[in-house]
Protein backbone atom coordinates (compact mmCIF):
# COMPACT_ATOMS: atom_id res chain seq x y z
CA MET A 1 78.21 98.13 71.95
CA PRO A 2 76.70 99.77 68.87
CA SER A 3 75.28 96.44 67.67
CA GLY A 4 73.36 95.96 70.93
CA THR A 5 75.67 93.24 72.22
CA LEU A 6 77.38 93.39 75.59
CA MET A 7 81.03 92.91 76.54
CA THR A 8 82.55 91.91 79.83
CA VAL A 9 85.94 90.89 81.17
CA SER A 10 86.38 87.46 82.68
CA SER A 11 89.51 85.54 83.63
CA GLU A 12 91.10 82.14 83.25
CA LEU A 13 93.90 80.23 84.93
CA ARG A 14 96.65 78.47 82.99
CA THR A 15 99.65 76.55 84.28
CA TYR A 16 102.97 77.03 82.50
CA ASP A 17 106.13 75.01 83.04
CA ASP A 18 109.47 76.84 83.17
CA TYR A 19 107.87 80.15 84.16
CA PRO A 20 110.23 82.90 85.44
CA THR A 21 110.33 83.21 89.23
CA SER A 22 111.36 86.87 88.98
CA SER A 23 109.97 89.64 86.80
CA ILE A 24 113.16 91.71 87.11
CA ASP A 25 116.02 89.19 87.19
CA PRO A 26 116.44 87.43 83.83
CA GLU A 27 118.90 84.96 85.45
CA ALA A 28 116.41 83.77 88.10
CA PRO A 29 115.39 80.10 88.03
CA THR A 30 112.13 78.97 86.49
CA GLU A 31 109.37 76.76 87.86
CA SER A 32 105.79 75.71 87.16
CA ALA A 33 103.36 78.60 87.76
CA THR A 34 99.68 79.37 87.41
CA VAL A 35 99.03 82.57 85.45
CA VAL A 36 95.77 84.55 85.49
CA GLY A 37 94.73 85.91 82.08
CA ASP A 38 91.90 88.20 81.01
CA VAL A 39 89.19 86.94 78.67
CA LEU A 40 87.06 89.44 76.76
CA VAL A 41 83.57 88.02 76.25
CA GLU A 42 80.96 89.42 73.85
CA PHE A 43 77.42 88.15 74.26
CA ASN A 44 73.93 89.03 73.07
CA ARG A 45 71.05 90.14 75.28
CA ASP A 46 69.82 86.54 75.53
CA GLY A 47 73.13 85.57 77.17
CA ALA A 48 74.56 83.59 74.26
CA VAL A 49 78.33 84.04 73.93
CA LEU A 50 79.19 85.39 70.48
CA ARG A 51 82.97 85.45 70.82
CA GLU A 52 85.78 85.27 73.33
CA VAL A 53 89.27 86.71 73.10
CA ARG A 54 91.68 85.02 75.50
CA LEU A 55 94.54 87.44 76.06
CA LEU A 56 96.94 84.63 76.96
CA ASP A 57 96.48 83.47 73.34
CA VAL A 58 97.20 86.98 72.01
CA LEU A 59 99.92 88.25 74.36
CA ASP A 60 103.12 86.50 75.41
CA PRO A 61 102.57 85.28 79.00
CA PHE A 62 106.35 84.90 79.41
CA ARG A 63 107.03 88.58 78.75
CA THR A 64 108.16 90.15 82.02
CA ALA A 65 109.74 93.36 83.28
CA SER A 66 113.14 91.93 82.38
CA SER A 67 112.08 91.75 78.71
CA PRO A 68 113.80 94.31 76.43
CA THR A 69 110.62 96.36 75.93
CA VAL A 70 107.71 96.23 78.28
CA GLY A 71 104.28 97.67 77.81
CA GLY A 72 100.99 97.13 79.52
CA ALA A 73 97.87 95.42 78.29
CA PHE A 74 94.82 95.68 80.44
CA GLY A 75 91.44 94.15 79.71
CA ASN A 76 89.64 97.06 81.36
CA GLN A 77 90.44 99.15 78.28
CA CYS A 78 88.22 97.54 75.64
CA ARG A 79 88.01 99.10 72.21
CA LEU A 80 85.58 98.09 69.50
CA LEU A 81 87.36 96.40 66.61
CA ARG A 82 85.16 96.12 63.56
CA ARG A 83 85.12 92.81 61.75
CA ALA A 84 86.05 92.83 58.09
C-alpha cells in the first residue's frame, strides 16, 4: 500500500439461523448454516493490525442467486479507499 502498510485476505465463520437451503429456489426451506466470509486485514510492518473489514458486516449474507439482482463481491479484488 502507498503508506507502507500491508493488506491480506482472511476468513471467518458465522452461523446463521433460517439460512436458505437453495441459492436458486426462493421457496426452498431454511435451516441453520455456517457461512464463510472474507475479512480484509490491514497491518503495519511490525504485524500490528490497523483495521479489519468483515465483509459479512458489509454485504448481505442472505443474498442468493434467487435475489432480484445478483452481483459478485470478491475479497481478492482489493482497492485502496482513502480515509477522509
